[in-house]
Amino acid sequence: MQRLIIPWLLVVAWMVLIFSFSAQPAEQSSSLSGGIVEPIIETIETVVPVVTIDKEFFHTFIRKNAHFFAYFILGVLSKHAFRRSGVIGMKAGIFAFFLSVVYAISDEVHQLFVPGRSGEVRDVLIDSAGAFIGIVIYYCLSKLYNRNKALSRS
């Protein structure tokens, strides 16, 4: 039973984390990501002083990558939870992808009601790509693990 509950608790906990970031008003969200971006830019410009970084572009790049990786992790966690629930093969991947995409859509709709935030189709596409890549990597690593496990038994 624990093998079933923990994976789903991780999925729900990750969704709550995504929701909490999405619930931040634009000013707070921008301040948080700016606090991450500024030291990175300063470090790059210190190490390579001939490089000039477009701060707005870099800030957007970091924010969009945060979308990608948040949903990459959601895809991995969802695939694992479905697999532990007895859903096997492509079906687990399809269910995990569907869950991730529906959550991404609901998250963007949620942002429509957060001060200064907006819901963007582009973000849903980035989120979906992250989930898809996470699910594919999970699938490939699972195949590799099972193959090595079978070889070690032989």
N, C-alpha and C. Protein backbone atom coordinates (compact mmCIF):
# COMPACT_ATOMS: atom_id res chain seq x y z
N MET A 1 0.82 -1.21 0.00
CA MET A 1 0.00 0.00 0.00
C MET A 1 0.86 1.27 0.00
N GLN A 2 1.96 1.23 0.80
CA GLN A 2 2.86 2.36 0.87
C GLN A 2 3.51 2.63 -0.49
N ARG A 3 3.78 1.54 -1.25
CA ARG A 3 4.36 1.69 -2.59
C ARG A 3 3.43 2.46 -3.52
N LEU A 4 2.16 2.49 -3.19
CA LEU A 4 1.17 3.19 -3.99
C LEU A 4 0.93 4.61 -3.49
N ILE A 5 0.89 4.79 -2.19
CA ILE A 5 0.54 6.09 -1.61
C ILE A 5 1.66 7.11 -1.78
N ILE A 6 2.88 6.74 -1.49
CA ILE A 6 4.00 7.70 -1.53
C ILE A 6 4.18 8.32 -2.92
N PRO A 7 4.18 7.53 -4.00
CA PRO A 7 4.32 8.18 -5.31
C PRO A 7 3.22 9.21 -5.60
N TRP A 8 2.00 8.91 -5.21
CA TRP A 8 0.91 9.86 -5.46
C TRP A 8 1.00 11.07 -4.54
N LEU A 9 1.48 10.87 -3.32
CA LEU A 9 1.71 12.01 -2.42
C LEU A 9 2.77 12.95 -3.00
N LEU A 10 3.79 12.37 -3.62
CA LEU A 10 4.83 13.19 -4.25
C LEU A 10 4.25 13.99 -5.43
N VAL A 11 3.38 13.36 -6.21
CA VAL A 11 2.73 14.07 -7.33
C VAL A 11 1.91 15.24 -6.79
N VAL A 12 1.10 14.99 -5.79
CA VAL A 12 0.25 16.04 -5.22
C VAL A 12 1.11 17.14 -4.58
N ALA A 13 2.15 16.76 -3.86
CA ALA A 13 3.03 17.75 -3.23
C ALA A 13 3.69 18.64 -4.30
N TRP A 14 4.11 18.02 -5.41
CA TRP A 14 4.73 18.81 -6.48
C TRP A 14 3.71 19.75 -7.13
N MET A 15 2.48 19.27 -7.29
CA MET A 15 1.43 20.13 -7.84
C MET A 15 1.15 21.31 -6.91
N VAL A 16 1.17 21.06 -5.61
CA VAL A 16 0.96 22.13 -4.64
C VAL A 16 2.09 23.15 -4.74
N LEU A 17 3.30 22.69 -4.91
CA LEU A 17 4.45 23.59 -5.06
C LEU A 17 4.28 24.45 -6.32
N ILE A 18 3.92 23.83 -7.43
CA ILE A 18 3.69 24.58 -8.67
C ILE A 18 2.57 25.61 -8.45
N PHE A 19 1.50 25.17 -7.81
CA PHE A 19 0.36 26.08 -7.54
C PHE A 19 0.81 27.26 -6.69
N SER A 20 1.65 27.00 -5.68
CA SER A 20 2.07 28.09 -4.79
C SER A 20 2.93 29.11 -5.54
N PHE A 21 3.77 28.65 -6.47
CA PHE A 21 4.54 29.60 -7.27
C PHE A 21 3.61 30.40 -8.20
N SER A 22 2.62 29.74 -8.74
CA SER A 22 1.67 30.40 -9.64
C SER A 22 0.77 31.38 -8.91
N ALA A 23 0.57 31.16 -7.63
CA ALA A 23 -0.32 32.03 -6.85
C ALA A 23 0.37 33.32 -6.43
N GLN A 24 1.68 33.42 -6.65
CA GLN A 24 2.39 34.64 -6.28
C GLN A 24 2.02 35.77 -7.25
N PRO A 25 1.70 36.94 -6.71
CA PRO A 25 1.45 38.08 -7.60
C PRO A 25 2.70 38.36 -8.45
N ALA A 26 2.50 39.00 -9.58
CA ALA A 26 3.58 39.22 -10.55
C ALA A 26 4.80 39.86 -9.91
N GLU A 27 4.59 40.85 -9.07
CA GLU A 27 5.71 41.55 -8.44
C GLU A 27 6.55 40.61 -7.57
N GLN A 28 5.88 39.79 -6.80
CA GLN A 28 6.58 38.84 -5.93
C GLN A 28 7.29 37.77 -6.75
N SER A 29 6.64 37.27 -7.79
CA SER A 29 7.23 36.26 -8.65
C SER A 29 8.46 36.80 -9.38
N SER A 30 8.34 38.01 -9.88
CA SER A 30 9.45 38.64 -10.59
C SER A 30 10.63 38.89 -9.65
N SER A 31 10.33 39.28 -8.43
CA SER A 31 11.37 39.51 -7.44
C SER A 31 12.10 38.22 -7.10
N LEU A 32 11.34 37.13 -6.98
CA LEU A 32 11.95 35.83 -6.69
C LEU A 32 12.89 35.40 -7.82
N SER A 33 12.41 35.45 -9.05
CA SER A 33 13.25 35.02 -10.17
C SER A 33 14.39 36.01 -10.39
N GLY A 34 14.15 37.29 -10.13
CA GLY A 34 15.21 38.29 -10.24
C GLY A 34 16.32 38.03 -9.24
N GLY A 35 15.95 37.55 -8.06
CA GLY A 35 16.93 37.21 -7.04
C GLY A 35 17.81 36.04 -7.45
N ILE A 36 17.33 35.25 -8.36
CA ILE A 36 18.12 34.13 -8.89
C ILE A 36 18.95 34.59 -10.09
N VAL A 37 18.34 35.39 -10.95
CA VAL A 37 18.97 35.81 -12.20
C VAL A 37 20.12 36.79 -11.97
N GLU A 38 19.92 37.77 -11.11
CA GLU A 38 20.94 38.81 -10.91
C GLU A 38 22.31 38.25 -10.51
N PRO A 39 22.39 37.37 -9.51
CA PRO A 39 23.72 36.83 -9.16
C PRO A 39 24.35 36.01 -10.30
N ILE A 40 23.53 35.34 -11.08
CA ILE A 40 24.05 34.57 -12.21
C ILE A 40 24.67 35.52 -13.24
N ILE A 41 23.94 36.57 -13.57
CA ILE A 41 24.45 37.54 -14.54
C ILE A 41 25.73 38.21 -14.03
N GLU A 42 25.72 38.60 -12.76
CA GLU A 42 26.91 39.23 -12.17
C GLU A 42 28.11 38.30 -12.22
N THR A 43 27.89 37.03 -11.92
CA THR A 43 28.98 36.05 -11.96
C THR A 43 29.52 35.88 -13.37
N ILE A 44 28.62 35.74 -14.34
CA ILE A 44 29.05 35.58 -15.73
C ILE A 44 29.84 36.80 -16.19
N GLU A 45 29.32 37.98 -15.88
CA GLU A 45 30.00 39.20 -16.32
C GLU A 45 31.33 39.41 -15.60
N THR A 46 31.46 38.87 -14.39
CA THR A 46 32.74 38.94 -13.66
C THR A 46 33.74 37.97 -14.25
N VAL A 47 33.30 36.76 -14.52
CA VAL A 47 34.19 35.72 -15.05
C VAL A 47 34.59 36.01 -16.50
N VAL A 48 33.62 36.47 -17.28
CA VAL A 48 33.88 36.77 -18.69
C VAL A 48 33.46 38.23 -18.94
N PRO A 49 34.33 39.19 -18.60
CA PRO A 49 33.94 40.61 -18.66
C PRO A 49 33.63 41.13 -20.07
N VAL A 50 34.06 40.43 -21.09
CA VAL A 50 33.76 40.89 -22.46
C VAL A 50 32.35 40.53 -22.90
N VAL A 51 31.67 39.72 -22.11
CA VAL A 51 30.31 39.29 -22.44
C VAL A 51 29.31 40.26 -21.83
N THR A 52 28.38 40.71 -22.65
CA THR A 52 27.28 41.54 -22.17
C THR A 52 26.00 40.72 -22.31
N ILE A 53 25.26 40.64 -21.23
CA ILE A 53 24.06 39.81 -21.22
C ILE A 53 22.82 40.71 -21.23
N ASP A 54 21.90 40.39 -22.12
CA ASP A 54 20.61 41.06 -22.16
C ASP A 54 19.81 40.54 -20.96
N LYS A 55 19.68 41.37 -19.94
CA LYS A 55 19.06 40.94 -18.68
C LYS A 55 17.60 40.52 -18.85
N GLU A 56 16.87 41.23 -19.67
CA GLU A 56 15.46 40.90 -19.89
C GLU A 56 15.33 39.53 -20.57
N PHE A 57 16.14 39.30 -21.60
CA PHE A 57 16.12 38.01 -22.29
C PHE A 57 16.51 36.88 -21.34
N PHE A 58 17.58 37.10 -20.57
CA PHE A 58 18.07 36.07 -19.66
C PHE A 58 17.03 35.76 -18.59
N HIS A 59 16.36 36.81 -18.08
CA HIS A 59 15.32 36.64 -17.07
C HIS A 59 14.18 35.78 -17.63
N THR A 60 13.76 36.10 -18.85
CA THR A 60 12.70 35.32 -19.51
C THR A 60 13.16 33.88 -19.74
N PHE A 61 14.40 33.72 -20.17
CA PHE A 61 14.97 32.39 -20.41
C PHE A 61 14.92 31.54 -19.14
N ILE A 62 15.33 32.13 -18.02
CA ILE A 62 15.33 31.41 -16.74
C ILE A 62 13.90 31.06 -16.33
N ARG A 63 12.97 31.99 -16.48
CA ARG A 63 11.58 31.74 -16.09
C ARG A 63 10.95 30.63 -16.94
N LYS A 64 11.21 30.64 -18.22
CA LYS A 64 10.63 29.61 -19.10
C LYS A 64 11.27 28.25 -18.83
N ASN A 65 12.55 28.24 -18.50
CA ASN A 65 13.20 26.99 -18.13
C ASN A 65 12.66 26.46 -16.81
N ALA A 66 12.28 27.36 -15.92
CA ALA A 66 11.67 26.93 -14.66
C ALA A 66 10.36 26.20 -14.94
N HIS A 67 9.58 26.73 -15.90
CA HIS A 67 8.36 26.04 -16.33
C HIS A 67 8.70 24.65 -16.83
N PHE A 68 9.65 24.58 -17.74
CA PHE A 68 10.03 23.31 -18.35
C PHE A 68 10.42 22.29 -17.27
N PHE A 69 11.31 22.67 -16.37
CA PHE A 69 11.82 21.72 -15.39
C PHE A 69 10.79 21.37 -14.32
N ALA A 70 9.91 22.31 -13.97
CA ALA A 70 8.85 21.99 -13.01
C ALA A 70 7.94 20.89 -13.57
N TYR A 71 7.62 20.99 -14.85
CA TYR A 71 6.74 19.99 -15.47
C TYR A 71 7.51 18.75 -15.90
N PHE A 72 8.80 18.87 -16.13
CA PHE A 72 9.66 17.70 -16.34
C PHE A 72 9.54 16.80 -15.11
N ILE A 73 9.68 17.40 -13.94
CA ILE A 73 9.59 16.65 -12.68
C ILE A 73 8.18 16.11 -12.48
N LEU A 74 7.16 16.92 -12.80
CA LEU A 74 5.78 16.42 -12.67
C LEU A 74 5.55 15.23 -13.60
N GLY A 75 6.09 15.28 -14.81
CA GLY A 75 5.96 14.15 -15.73
C GLY A 75 6.61 12.89 -15.17
N VAL A 76 7.81 13.03 -14.63
CA VAL A 76 8.52 11.88 -14.05
C VAL A 76 7.73 11.33 -12.86
N LEU A 77 7.32 12.20 -11.95
CA LEU A 77 6.58 11.75 -10.77
C LEU A 77 5.25 11.09 -11.16
N SER A 78 4.56 11.66 -12.15
CA SER A 78 3.27 11.10 -12.59
C SER A 78 3.46 9.74 -13.25
N LYS A 79 4.47 9.63 -14.10
CA LYS A 79 4.75 8.34 -14.77
C LYS A 79 5.04 7.28 -13.73
N HIS A 80 5.86 7.65 -12.74
CA HIS A 80 6.21 6.70 -11.68
C HIS A 80 4.96 6.30 -10.87
N ALA A 81 4.12 7.27 -10.56
CA ALA A 81 2.92 6.98 -9.77
C ALA A 81 1.96 6.07 -10.54
N PHE A 82 1.77 6.34 -11.82
CA PHE A 82 0.90 5.47 -12.61
C PHE A 82 1.50 4.06 -12.71
N ARG A 83 2.80 4.00 -12.90
CA ARG A 83 3.48 2.69 -12.99
C ARG A 83 3.30 1.91 -11.69
N ARG A 84 3.50 2.58 -10.56
CA ARG A 84 3.32 1.92 -9.26
C ARG A 84 1.87 1.51 -9.02
N SER A 85 0.95 2.20 -9.70
CA SER A 85 -0.48 1.88 -9.55
C SER A 85 -0.90 0.73 -10.44
N GLY A 86 0.06 0.18 -11.20
CA GLY A 86 -0.24 -0.97 -12.04
C GLY A 86 -0.54 -0.63 -13.49
N VAL A 87 -0.45 0.64 -13.85
CA VAL A 87 -0.64 1.03 -15.24
C VAL A 87 0.72 0.86 -15.91
N ILE A 88 0.79 0.02 -16.93
CA ILE A 88 2.10 -0.30 -17.50
C ILE A 88 2.22 0.16 -18.95
N GLY A 89 3.46 0.19 -19.40
CA GLY A 89 3.76 0.50 -20.79
C GLY A 89 3.38 1.91 -21.19
N MET A 90 3.01 2.02 -22.46
CA MET A 90 2.66 3.32 -23.05
C MET A 90 1.47 3.96 -22.34
N LYS A 91 0.59 3.14 -21.82
CA LYS A 91 -0.60 3.67 -21.15
C LYS A 91 -0.21 4.56 -19.97
N ALA A 92 0.79 4.14 -19.20
CA ALA A 92 1.25 4.95 -18.06
C ALA A 92 1.81 6.28 -18.55
N GLY A 93 2.57 6.25 -19.63
CA GLY A 93 3.13 7.47 -20.19
C GLY A 93 2.05 8.41 -20.71
N ILE A 94 1.06 7.84 -21.38
CA ILE A 94 -0.04 8.66 -21.92
C ILE A 94 -0.84 9.28 -20.79
N PHE A 95 -1.15 8.50 -19.75
CA PHE A 95 -1.89 9.02 -18.61
C PHE A 95 -1.09 10.12 -17.90
N ALA A 96 0.21 9.88 -17.72
CA ALA A 96 1.07 10.86 -17.05
C ALA A 96 1.13 12.16 -17.86
N PHE A 97 1.24 12.02 -19.17
CA PHE A 97 1.30 13.20 -20.04
C PHE A 97 -0.03 13.95 -19.98
N PHE A 98 -1.13 13.23 -20.07
CA PHE A 98 -2.45 13.85 -20.02
C PHE A 98 -2.64 14.60 -18.70
N LEU A 99 -2.28 13.96 -17.59
CA LEU A 99 -2.40 14.59 -16.27
C LEU A 99 -1.56 15.88 -16.22
N SER A 100 -0.35 15.81 -16.71
CA SER A 100 0.55 16.97 -16.69
C SER A 100 0.02 18.12 -17.55
N VAL A 101 -0.49 17.80 -18.73
CA VAL A 101 -1.01 18.83 -19.63
C VAL A 101 -2.27 19.47 -19.04
N VAL A 102 -3.16 18.65 -18.51
CA VAL A 102 -4.38 19.19 -17.90
C VAL A 102 -4.01 20.09 -16.71
N TYR A 103 -3.02 19.67 -15.94
CA TYR A 103 -2.60 20.50 -14.81
C TYR A 103 -1.96 21.80 -15.31
N ALA A 104 -1.18 21.73 -16.38
CA ALA A 104 -0.56 22.93 -16.94
C ALA A 104 -1.63 23.92 -17.41
N ILE A 105 -2.66 23.40 -18.06
CA ILE A 105 -3.77 24.27 -18.52
C ILE A 105 -4.47 24.89 -17.32
N SER A 106 -4.77 24.07 -16.31
CA SER A 106 -5.46 24.60 -15.13
C SER A 106 -4.59 25.62 -14.40
N ASP A 107 -3.29 25.42 -14.42
CA ASP A 107 -2.37 26.35 -13.78
C ASP A 107 -2.37 27.71 -14.49
N GLU A 108 -2.39 27.68 -15.81
CA GLU A 108 -2.43 28.94 -16.57
C GLU A 108 -3.77 29.64 -16.37
N VAL A 109 -4.86 28.89 -16.28
CA VAL A 109 -6.17 29.49 -16.00
C VAL A 109 -6.14 30.11 -14.61
N HIS A 110 -5.57 29.40 -13.65
CA HIS A 110 -5.44 29.91 -12.29
C HIS A 110 -4.71 31.26 -12.28
N GLN A 111 -3.66 31.38 -13.10
CA GLN A 111 -2.88 32.62 -13.13
C GLN A 111 -3.68 33.82 -13.65
N LEU A 112 -4.74 33.55 -14.38
CA LEU A 112 -5.60 34.65 -14.85
C LEU A 112 -6.23 35.41 -13.68
N PHE A 113 -6.32 34.76 -12.53
CA PHE A 113 -6.96 35.36 -11.35
C PHE A 113 -5.95 35.88 -10.33
N VAL A 114 -4.66 35.83 -10.67
CA VAL A 114 -3.60 36.29 -9.78
C VAL A 114 -3.17 37.70 -10.24
N PRO A 115 -3.12 38.65 -9.31
CA PRO A 115 -2.78 40.03 -9.70
C PRO A 115 -1.47 40.13 -10.50
N GLY A 116 -1.58 40.75 -11.68
CA GLY A 116 -0.42 40.99 -12.52
C GLY A 116 0.03 39.80 -13.35
N ARG A 117 -0.60 38.66 -13.18
CA ARG A 117 -0.19 37.46 -13.92
C ARG A 117 -1.14 37.25 -15.08
N SER A 118 -0.72 36.41 -16.02
CA SER A 118 -1.57 36.07 -17.16
C SER A 118 -1.41 34.59 -17.47
N GLY A 119 -2.37 34.04 -18.15
CA GLY A 119 -2.29 32.67 -18.61
C GLY A 119 -1.81 32.68 -20.06
N GLU A 120 -0.81 31.89 -20.36
CA GLU A 120 -0.25 31.90 -21.71
C GLU A 120 -0.22 30.50 -22.31
N VAL A 121 -0.67 30.40 -23.55
CA VAL A 121 -0.62 29.14 -24.28
C VAL A 121 0.83 28.69 -24.42
N ARG A 122 1.73 29.64 -24.65
CA ARG A 122 3.15 29.32 -24.79
C ARG A 122 3.67 28.58 -23.55
N ASP A 123 3.22 29.00 -22.37
CA ASP A 123 3.66 28.33 -21.14
C ASP A 123 3.12 26.90 -21.07
N VAL A 124 1.88 26.70 -21.52
CA VAL A 124 1.32 25.35 -21.55
C VAL A 124 2.15 24.47 -22.48
N LEU A 125 2.57 25.01 -23.61
CA LEU A 125 3.41 24.24 -24.54
C LEU A 125 4.77 23.92 -23.93
N ILE A 126 5.36 24.88 -23.24
CA ILE A 126 6.65 24.64 -22.57
C ILE A 126 6.47 23.60 -21.47
N ASP A 127 5.42 23.74 -20.68
CA ASP A 127 5.13 22.77 -19.60
C ASP A 127 4.93 21.37 -20.18
N SER A 128 4.18 21.29 -21.26
CA SER A 128 3.89 20.00 -21.90
C SER A 128 5.17 19.37 -22.44
N ALA A 129 6.03 20.18 -23.03
CA ALA A 129 7.32 19.66 -23.53
C ALA A 129 8.15 19.14 -22.38
N GLY A 130 8.18 19.86 -21.27
CA GLY A 130 8.93 19.39 -20.10
C GLY A 130 8.40 18.07 -19.59
N ALA A 131 7.09 17.95 -19.48
CA ALA A 131 6.48 16.70 -19.01
C ALA A 131 6.80 15.56 -19.97
N PHE A 132 6.66 15.82 -21.26
CA PHE A 132 6.93 14.80 -22.28
C PHE A 132 8.37 14.29 -22.19
N ILE A 133 9.32 15.21 -22.12
CA ILE A 133 10.73 14.82 -22.04
C ILE A 133 10.99 14.05 -20.75
N GLY A 134 10.41 14.50 -19.65
CA GLY A 134 10.56 13.78 -18.38
C GLY A 134 10.04 12.36 -18.46
N ILE A 135 8.88 12.19 -19.07
CA ILE A 135 8.28 10.86 -19.21
C ILE A 135 9.13 9.98 -20.11
N VAL A 136 9.63 10.52 -21.21
CA VAL A 136 10.48 9.76 -22.13
C VAL A 136 11.77 9.33 -21.44
N ILE A 137 12.39 10.24 -20.71
CA ILE A 137 13.64 9.89 -20.00
C ILE A 137 13.36 8.84 -18.94
N TYR A 138 12.26 8.98 -18.22
CA TYR A 138 11.89 7.98 -17.22
C TYR A 138 11.73 6.61 -17.89
N TYR A 139 11.03 6.60 -19.00
CA TYR A 139 10.80 5.36 -19.75
C TYR A 139 12.14 4.74 -20.18
N CYS A 140 13.03 5.55 -20.74
CA CYS A 140 14.33 5.04 -21.22
C CYS A 140 15.18 4.52 -20.07
N LEU A 141 15.20 5.27 -18.97
CA LEU A 141 15.99 4.82 -17.81
C LEU A 141 15.41 3.55 -17.20
N SER A 142 14.08 3.43 -17.20
CA SER A 142 13.43 2.21 -16.69
C SER A 142 13.80 1.01 -17.55
N LYS A 143 13.78 1.19 -18.87
CA LYS A 143 14.15 0.11 -19.79
C LYS A 143 15.60 -0.30 -19.55
N LEU A 144 16.47 0.68 -19.44
CA LEU A 144 17.89 0.42 -19.20
C LEU A 144 18.11 -0.30 -17.87
N TYR A 145 17.43 0.16 -16.83
CA TYR A 145 17.53 -0.46 -15.52
C TYR A 145 17.04 -1.91 -15.57
N ASN A 146 15.89 -2.13 -16.17
CA ASN A 146 15.33 -3.49 -16.25
C ASN A 146 16.22 -4.40 -17.10
N ARG A 147 16.80 -3.86 -18.16
CA ARG A 147 17.71 -4.65 -18.99
C ARG A 147 18.95 -5.04 -18.21
N ASN A 148 19.54 -4.08 -17.49
CA ASN A 148 20.72 -4.38 -16.69
C ASN A 148 20.40 -5.34 -15.55
N LYS A 149 19.24 -5.21 -14.99
CA LYS A 149 18.79 -6.11 -13.91
C LYS A 149 18.66 -7.53 -14.46
N ALA A 150 18.06 -7.66 -15.65
CA ALA A 150 17.90 -8.98 -16.28
C ALA A 150 19.24 -9.57 -16.65
N LEU A 151 20.16 -8.76 -17.14
CA LEU A 151 21.49 -9.24 -17.49
C LEU A 151 22.27 -9.71 -16.27
N SER A 152 22.11 -9.01 -15.16
CA SER A 152 22.83 -9.40 -13.94
C SER A 152 22.29 -10.70 -13.35
N ARG A 153 21.04 -11.01 -13.63
CA ARG A 153 20.46 -12.27 -13.15
C ARG A 153 20.95 -13.46 -13.98
N SER A 154 21.31 -13.17 -15.23
CA SER A 154 21.72 -14.26 -16.12
C SER A 154 23.07 -14.82 -15.79
